[in-house]
Amino acid sequence: MTTIVLAAGLSERMGQNKLLLPYKNEAIIVTTVKNALSFSDRVIVVVGNERERIIQALSTLNVDFVYNKNYKDGQRTSTLEGIKAVFDDDFAILPGDLPLLKKEDAIALFAHLDERGIARCSYKGIPGHPVAYTKENRERLLTYPDSMKDYLQKMGYLSLSSSLGSVFDIDTPNKYQALLESDGDLSILERCCNISFS
């Protein structure tokens, strides 16, 4: 399994590069990528905004980097650049700001992938990540004219119930504060009623 980690965005809702914010003595992107390495044969990190800083933060990890020169045009462009770099392998898409994703959730997701050809983690009905695809989807996605969301709706996918870590992205100051205050404890975060996942 190849995992594509999206790390090219502008972090507009956070107001600064969320991936470089500290969490447990390392940047959020480092935690996310280390998690991905624990359940993936290969990890591709798509960079764009502040790429030099992201690459430096991950310099000790065994990952491949892909630069998306069109990163300002949105996440889909980064996703497609990552998919282009996938070899003959099944692959998963993972945003770089998901440091609490549990290895067990990803492994369980991959185990069910062949049932539908596409599988996605979810938490209490909220779509999460990773989204995993069999390799047959690669060429279809690269030539598909509409959004990734539209592709998923058209093709259909298996939704696998997972932990809160599959949806807890760190994209706002409130979520980052909750991450720090909870020290990443999912049971504490589950009791936070004022966290929005929209």
C-alpha atoms as a PDB file:
ATOM      1  CA  MET A   1       0.000   0.000   0.000  1.00  0.00           C
ATOM      2  CA  THR A   2       1.234   3.464  -0.951  1.00  0.00           C
ATOM      3  CA  THR A   3      -0.036   6.365   1.133  1.00  0.00           C
ATOM      4  CA  ILE A   4      -0.142   9.869  -0.319  1.00  0.00           C
ATOM      5  CA  VAL A   5       0.107  12.547   2.368  1.00  0.00           C
ATOM      6  CA  LEU A   6      -1.163  15.954   1.279  1.00  0.00           C
ATOM      7  CA  ALA A   7       1.085  18.681   2.671  1.00  0.00           C
ATOM      8  CA  ALA A   8       0.859  21.463   0.089  1.00  0.00           C
ATOM      9  CA  GLY A   9      -2.032  23.622   1.274  1.00  0.00           C
ATOM     10  CA  LEU A  10      -2.233  27.220   2.413  1.00  0.00           C
ATOM     11  CA  SER A  11      -3.800  26.568   5.857  1.00  0.00           C
ATOM     12  CA  GLU A  12      -6.090  29.561   5.366  1.00  0.00           C
ATOM     13  CA  ARG A  13      -8.452  28.651   8.213  1.00  0.00           C
ATOM     14  CA  MET A  14      -5.563  28.331  10.648  1.00  0.00           C
ATOM     15  CA  GLY A  15      -3.845  31.565   9.654  1.00  0.00           C
ATOM     16  CA  GLN A  16      -0.400  29.919   9.634  1.00  0.00           C
ATOM     17  CA  ASN A  17       1.018  26.651   8.345  1.00  0.00           C
ATOM     18  CA  LYS A  18      -0.838  24.131  10.494  1.00  0.00           C
ATOM     19  CA  LEU A  19       1.455  21.285   9.470  1.00  0.00           C
ATOM     20  CA  LEU A  20       4.443  22.932  11.133  1.00  0.00           C
ATOM     21  CA  LEU A  21       2.724  23.624  14.447  1.00  0.00           C
ATOM     22  CA  PRO A  22       4.310  21.727  17.357  1.00  0.00           C
ATOM     23  CA  TYR A  23       2.687  18.671  18.889  1.00  0.00           C
ATOM     24  CA  LYS A  24       4.546  16.493  21.392  1.00  0.00           C
ATOM     25  CA  ASN A  25       7.912  18.026  20.476  1.00  0.00           C
ATOM     26  CA  GLU A  26       7.567  17.602  16.723  1.00  0.00           C
ATOM     27  CA  ALA A  27       5.611  19.179  13.884  1.00  0.00           C
ATOM     28  CA  ILE A  28       2.107  17.877  13.184  1.00  0.00           C
ATOM     29  CA  ILE A  29       3.192  16.755   9.702  1.00  0.00           C
ATOM     30  CA  VAL A  30       5.950  14.629  11.258  1.00  0.00           C
ATOM     31  CA  THR A  31       3.471  12.805  13.491  1.00  0.00           C
ATOM     32  CA  THR A  32       1.099  12.225  10.578  1.00  0.00           C
ATOM     33  CA  VAL A  33       3.836  10.903   8.302  1.00  0.00           C
ATOM     34  CA  LYS A  34       5.300   8.642  11.003  1.00  0.00           C
ATOM     35  CA  ASN A  35       1.821   7.156  11.422  1.00  0.00           C
ATOM     36  CA  ALA A  36       1.556   6.645   7.667  1.00  0.00           C
ATOM     37  CA  LEU A  37       4.930   4.880   7.598  1.00  0.00           C
ATOM     38  CA  SER A  38       3.655   2.455  10.240  1.00  0.00           C
ATOM     39  CA  PHE A  39       0.971   1.097   7.905  1.00  0.00           C
ATOM     40  CA  SER A  40       2.349   1.783   4.407  1.00  0.00           C
ATOM     41  CA  ASP A  41       5.027   0.229   2.219  1.00  0.00           C
ATOM     42  CA  ARG A  42       5.705   3.629   0.649  1.00  0.00           C
ATOM     43  CA  VAL A  43       4.770   7.188   1.590  1.00  0.00           C
ATOM     44  CA  ILE A  44       4.571  10.047  -0.905  1.00  0.00           C
ATOM     45  CA  VAL A  45       4.391  13.573   0.537  1.00  0.00           C
ATOM     46  CA  VAL A  46       2.962  16.203  -1.801  1.00  0.00           C
ATOM     47  CA  VAL A  47       4.450  19.607  -1.016  1.00  0.00           C
ATOM     48  CA  GLY A  48       3.711  23.117  -2.222  1.00  0.00           C
ATOM     49  CA  ASN A  49       3.277  25.950   0.252  1.00  0.00           C
ATOM     50  CA  GLU A  50       6.486  26.370   2.318  1.00  0.00           C
ATOM     51  CA  ARG A  51       7.840  23.221   0.738  1.00  0.00           C
ATOM     52  CA  GLU A  52      11.398  23.767   1.997  1.00  0.00           C
ATOM     53  CA  ARG A  53      10.226  23.857   5.613  1.00  0.00           C
ATOM     54  CA  ILE A  54       8.050  20.755   5.167  1.00  0.00           C
ATOM     55  CA  ILE A  55      10.889  18.833   3.503  1.00  0.00           C
ATOM     56  CA  GLN A  56      13.292  19.884   6.258  1.00  0.00           C
ATOM     57  CA  ALA A  57      10.857  18.774   8.974  1.00  0.00           C
ATOM     58  CA  LEU A  58      10.634  15.333   7.343  1.00  0.00           C
ATOM     59  CA  SER A  59      14.303  15.046   6.383  1.00  0.00           C
ATOM     60  CA  THR A  60      15.022  12.073   8.644  1.00  0.00           C
ATOM     61  CA  LEU A  61      12.081  10.001   7.370  1.00  0.00           C
ATOM     62  CA  ASN A  62      12.079   7.609   4.421  1.00  0.00           C
ATOM     63  CA  VAL A  63       9.520   9.300   2.164  1.00  0.00           C
ATOM     64  CA  ASP A  64       9.285  10.470  -1.431  1.00  0.00           C
ATOM     65  CA  PHE A  65       8.449  14.103  -2.150  1.00  0.00           C
ATOM     66  CA  VAL A  66       6.365  15.405  -5.031  1.00  0.00           C
ATOM     67  CA  TYR A  67       6.067  19.131  -5.701  1.00  0.00           C
ATOM     68  CA  ASN A  68       2.721  20.513  -6.821  1.00  0.00           C
ATOM     69  CA  LYS A  69       3.441  23.818  -8.531  1.00  0.00           C
ATOM     70  CA  ASN A  70      -0.321  24.438  -8.753  1.00  0.00           C
ATOM     71  CA  TYR A  71      -0.976  24.032  -5.031  1.00  0.00           C
ATOM     72  CA  LYS A  72      -2.808  27.371  -4.854  1.00  0.00           C
ATOM     73  CA  ASP A  73      -5.484  25.883  -7.120  1.00  0.00           C
ATOM     74  CA  GLY A  74      -6.728  23.555  -4.406  1.00  0.00           C
ATOM     75  CA  GLN A  75      -6.354  20.114  -2.864  1.00  0.00           C
ATOM     76  CA  ARG A  76      -7.454  18.204  -5.967  1.00  0.00           C
ATOM     77  CA  THR A  77      -4.330  19.310  -7.826  1.00  0.00           C
ATOM     78  CA  SER A  78      -2.130  17.968  -5.028  1.00  0.00           C
ATOM     79  CA  THR A  79      -4.063  14.711  -4.912  1.00  0.00           C
ATOM     80  CA  LEU A  80      -3.585  14.155  -8.639  1.00  0.00           C
ATOM     81  CA  GLU A  81       0.143  14.927  -8.436  1.00  0.00           C
ATOM     82  CA  GLY A  82       0.429  12.322  -5.703  1.00  0.00           C
ATOM     83  CA  ILE A  83      -1.508   9.726  -7.690  1.00  0.00           C
ATOM     84  CA  LYS A  84       0.768  10.281 -10.704  1.00  0.00           C
ATOM     85  CA  ALA A  85       3.700   9.216  -8.531  1.00  0.00           C
ATOM     86  CA  VAL A  86       2.084   5.918  -7.461  1.00  0.00           C
ATOM     87  CA  PHE A  87       3.582   2.824  -9.051  1.00  0.00           C
ATOM     88  CA  ASP A  88       1.694  -0.436  -9.619  1.00  0.00           C
ATOM     89  CA  ASP A  89       0.116  -0.427  -6.176  1.00  0.00           C
ATOM     90  CA  ASP A  90      -3.054   0.206  -4.223  1.00  0.00           C
ATOM     91  CA  PHE A  91      -2.991   3.654  -2.643  1.00  0.00           C
ATOM     92  CA  ALA A  92      -4.545   5.781   0.065  1.00  0.00           C
ATOM     93  CA  ILE A  93      -5.034   9.530   0.441  1.00  0.00           C
ATOM     94  CA  LEU A  94      -4.320  11.190   3.777  1.00  0.00           C
ATOM     95  CA  PRO A  95      -4.286  14.893   4.727  1.00  0.00           C
ATOM     96  CA  GLY A  96      -1.164  16.022   6.547  1.00  0.00           C
ATOM     97  CA  ASP A  97      -3.084  17.435   9.523  1.00  0.00           C
ATOM     98  CA  LEU A  98      -4.426  14.128  10.872  1.00  0.00           C
ATOM     99  CA  PRO A  99      -1.929  13.273  13.633  1.00  0.00           C
ATOM    100  CA  LEU A 100      -4.326  11.157  15.713  1.00  0.00           C
ATOM    101  CA  LEU A 101      -5.189   8.598  13.033  1.00  0.00           C
ATOM    102  CA  LYS A 102      -4.854   5.144  14.569  1.00  0.00           C
ATOM    103  CA  LYS A 103      -2.743   2.537  12.811  1.00  0.00           C
ATOM    104  CA  GLU A 104      -5.420  -0.039  13.575  1.00  0.00           C
ATOM    105  CA  ASP A 105      -8.056   1.967  11.705  1.00  0.00           C
ATOM    106  CA  ALA A 106      -5.911   2.201   8.583  1.00  0.00           C
ATOM    107  CA  ILE A 107      -5.008  -1.492   8.624  1.00  0.00           C
ATOM    108  CA  ALA A 108      -8.651  -2.479   9.071  1.00  0.00           C
ATOM    109  CA  LEU A 109      -9.611  -0.207   6.174  1.00  0.00           C
ATOM    110  CA  PHE A 110      -7.039  -1.738   3.848  1.00  0.00           C
ATOM    111  CA  ALA A 111      -8.212  -5.235   4.776  1.00  0.00           C
ATOM    112  CA  HIS A 112     -11.668  -4.406   3.403  1.00  0.00           C
ATOM    113  CA  LEU A 113     -10.496  -2.582   0.273  1.00  0.00           C
ATOM    114  CA  ASP A 114     -11.066  -5.408  -2.198  1.00  0.00           C
ATOM    115  CA  GLU A 115     -14.748  -5.639  -1.267  1.00  0.00           C
ATOM    116  CA  ARG A 116     -15.630  -2.467  -3.207  1.00  0.00           C
ATOM    117  CA  GLY A 117     -12.382  -1.204  -4.720  1.00  0.00           C
ATOM    118  CA  ILE A 118     -12.649   2.012  -2.695  1.00  0.00           C
ATOM    119  CA  ALA A 119     -12.896   2.254   1.103  1.00  0.00           C
ATOM    120  CA  ARG A 120     -13.058   5.180   3.496  1.00  0.00           C
ATOM    121  CA  CYS A 121     -12.815   5.611   7.243  1.00  0.00           C
ATOM    122  CA  SER A 122     -15.724   7.334   8.974  1.00  0.00           C
ATOM    123  CA  TYR A 123     -16.627   8.401  12.487  1.00  0.00           C
ATOM    124  CA  LYS A 124     -20.289   8.499  13.512  1.00  0.00           C
ATOM    125  CA  GLY A 125     -21.280   9.003   9.896  1.00  0.00           C
ATOM    126  CA  ILE A 126     -18.699  11.731   9.238  1.00  0.00           C
ATOM    127  CA  PRO A 127     -16.485  10.863   6.227  1.00  0.00           C
ATOM    128  CA  GLY A 128     -12.844  10.678   7.227  1.00  0.00           C
ATOM    129  CA  HIS A 129      -9.437   9.480   6.075  1.00  0.00           C
ATOM    130  CA  PRO A 130      -7.655   7.601   4.748  1.00  0.00           C
ATOM    131  CA  VAL A 131      -9.572   7.037   1.543  1.00  0.00           C
ATOM    132  CA  ALA A 132      -8.104   3.896  -0.026  1.00  0.00           C
ATOM    133  CA  TYR A 133      -8.261   2.833  -3.666  1.00  0.00           C
ATOM    134  CA  THR A 134      -7.272  -0.316  -5.525  1.00  0.00           C
ATOM    135  CA  LYS A 135      -4.701   0.335  -8.235  1.00  0.00           C
ATOM    136  CA  GLU A 136      -7.372  -0.012 -10.936  1.00  0.00           C
ATOM    137  CA  ASN A 137      -8.651   3.425  -9.893  1.00  0.00           C
ATOM    138  CA  ARG A 138      -5.381   5.202 -10.705  1.00  0.00           C
ATOM    139  CA  GLU A 139      -5.912   5.855 -14.416  1.00  0.00           C
ATOM    140  CA  ARG A 140      -9.612   6.553 -13.913  1.00  0.00           C
ATOM    141  CA  LEU A 141      -8.853   9.234 -11.340  1.00  0.00           C
ATOM    142  CA  LEU A 142      -6.140  10.850 -13.448  1.00  0.00           C
ATOM    143  CA  THR A 143      -8.570  11.291 -16.335  1.00  0.00           C
ATOM    144  CA  TYR A 144     -11.721  12.019 -14.319  1.00  0.00           C
ATOM    145  CA  PRO A 145     -12.906  15.569 -15.105  1.00  0.00           C
ATOM    146  CA  ASP A 146     -14.752  16.356 -11.886  1.00  0.00           C
ATOM    147  CA  SER A 147     -13.925  16.443  -8.177  1.00  0.00           C
ATOM    148  CA  MET A 148     -12.658  13.610  -6.006  1.00  0.00           C
ATOM    149  CA  LYS A 149     -15.891  13.861  -4.035  1.00  0.00           C
ATOM    150  CA  ASP A 150     -17.892  13.428  -7.225  1.00  0.00           C
ATOM    151  CA  TYR A 151     -15.784  10.397  -8.167  1.00  0.00           C
ATOM    152  CA  LEU A 152     -16.494   8.772  -4.816  1.00  0.00           C
ATOM    153  CA  GLN A 153     -20.220   9.431  -5.155  1.00  0.00           C
ATOM    154  CA  LYS A 154     -20.304   8.045  -8.682  1.00  0.00           C
ATOM    155  CA  MET A 155     -18.229   4.930  -8.030  1.00  0.00           C
ATOM    156  CA  GLY A 156     -19.465   4.186  -4.511  1.00  0.00           C
ATOM    157  CA  TYR A 157     -17.286   3.000  -1.664  1.00  0.00           C
ATOM    158  CA  LEU A 158     -17.232   0.982   1.524  1.00  0.00           C
ATOM    159  CA  SER A 159     -17.459   3.144   4.647  1.00  0.00           C
ATOM    160  CA  LEU A 160     -15.677   1.628   7.624  1.00  0.00           C
ATOM    161  CA  SER A 161     -16.527   2.819  11.120  1.00  0.00           C
ATOM    162  CA  SER A 162     -13.327   4.126  12.691  1.00  0.00           C
ATOM    163  CA  SER A 163     -12.134   6.184  15.638  1.00  0.00           C
ATOM    164  CA  LEU A 164     -12.325   9.954  16.064  1.00  0.00           C
ATOM    165  CA  GLY A 165      -8.719  10.154  14.895  1.00  0.00           C
ATOM    166  CA  SER A 166      -9.849   9.502  11.317  1.00  0.00           C
ATOM    167  CA  VAL A 167     -11.730  12.819  11.184  1.00  0.00           C
ATOM    168  CA  PHE A 168      -9.911  15.016  13.700  1.00  0.00           C
ATOM    169  CA  ASP A 169      -8.016  17.303  11.345  1.00  0.00           C
ATOM    170  CA  ILE A 170      -6.154  20.257  12.828  1.00  0.00           C
ATOM    171  CA  ASP A 171      -7.409  23.017  10.531  1.00  0.00           C
ATOM    172  CA  THR A 172      -8.556  25.719  12.970  1.00  0.00           C
ATOM    173  CA  PRO A 173      -7.085  27.343  16.093  1.00  0.00           C
ATOM    174  CA  ASN A 174      -9.873  25.778  18.200  1.00  0.00           C
ATOM    175  CA  LYS A 175      -8.974  22.278  17.054  1.00  0.00           C
ATOM    176  CA  TYR A 176      -5.285  22.867  17.619  1.00  0.00           C
ATOM    177  CA  GLN A 177      -6.008  24.099  21.140  1.00  0.00           C
ATOM    178  CA  ALA A 178      -8.170  21.022  21.774  1.00  0.00           C
ATOM    179  CA  LEU A 179      -5.332  18.803  20.523  1.00  0.00           C
ATOM    180  CA  LEU A 180      -2.885  20.396  22.951  1.00  0.00           C
ATOM    181  CA  GLU A 181      -5.251  20.465  25.928  1.00  0.00           C
ATOM    182  CA  SER A 182      -6.215  16.811  25.455  1.00  0.00           C
ATOM    183  CA  ASP A 183      -2.618  15.760  24.739  1.00  0.00           C
ATOM    184  CA  GLY A 184      -4.073  13.756  21.854  1.00  0.00           C
ATOM    185  CA  ASP A 185      -6.302  11.639  24.091  1.00  0.00           C
ATOM    186  CA  LEU A 186      -9.231  10.614  21.870  1.00  0.00           C
ATOM    187  CA  SER A 187     -11.476   9.847  24.842  1.00  0.00           C
ATOM    188  CA  ILE A 188     -11.089  13.451  26.023  1.00  0.00           C
ATOM    189  CA  LEU A 189     -11.648  14.846  22.538  1.00  0.00           C
ATOM    190  CA  GLU A 190     -14.814  12.777  22.141  1.00  0.00           C
ATOM    191  CA  ARG A 191     -16.284  14.730  25.044  1.00  0.00           C
ATOM    192  CA  CYS A 192     -15.532  18.104  23.397  1.00  0.00           C
ATOM    193  CA  CYS A 193     -18.968  19.219  22.183  1.00  0.00           C
ATOM    194  CA  ASN A 194     -17.852  22.450  20.541  1.00  0.00           C
ATOM    195  CA  ILE A 195     -15.623  20.920  17.865  1.00  0.00           C
ATOM    196  CA  SER A 196     -17.001  21.185  14.329  1.00  0.00           C
ATOM    197  CA  PHE A 197     -15.965  18.729  11.601  1.00  0.00           C
ATOM    198  CA  SER A 198     -17.496  20.616   8.689  1.00  0.00           C
END
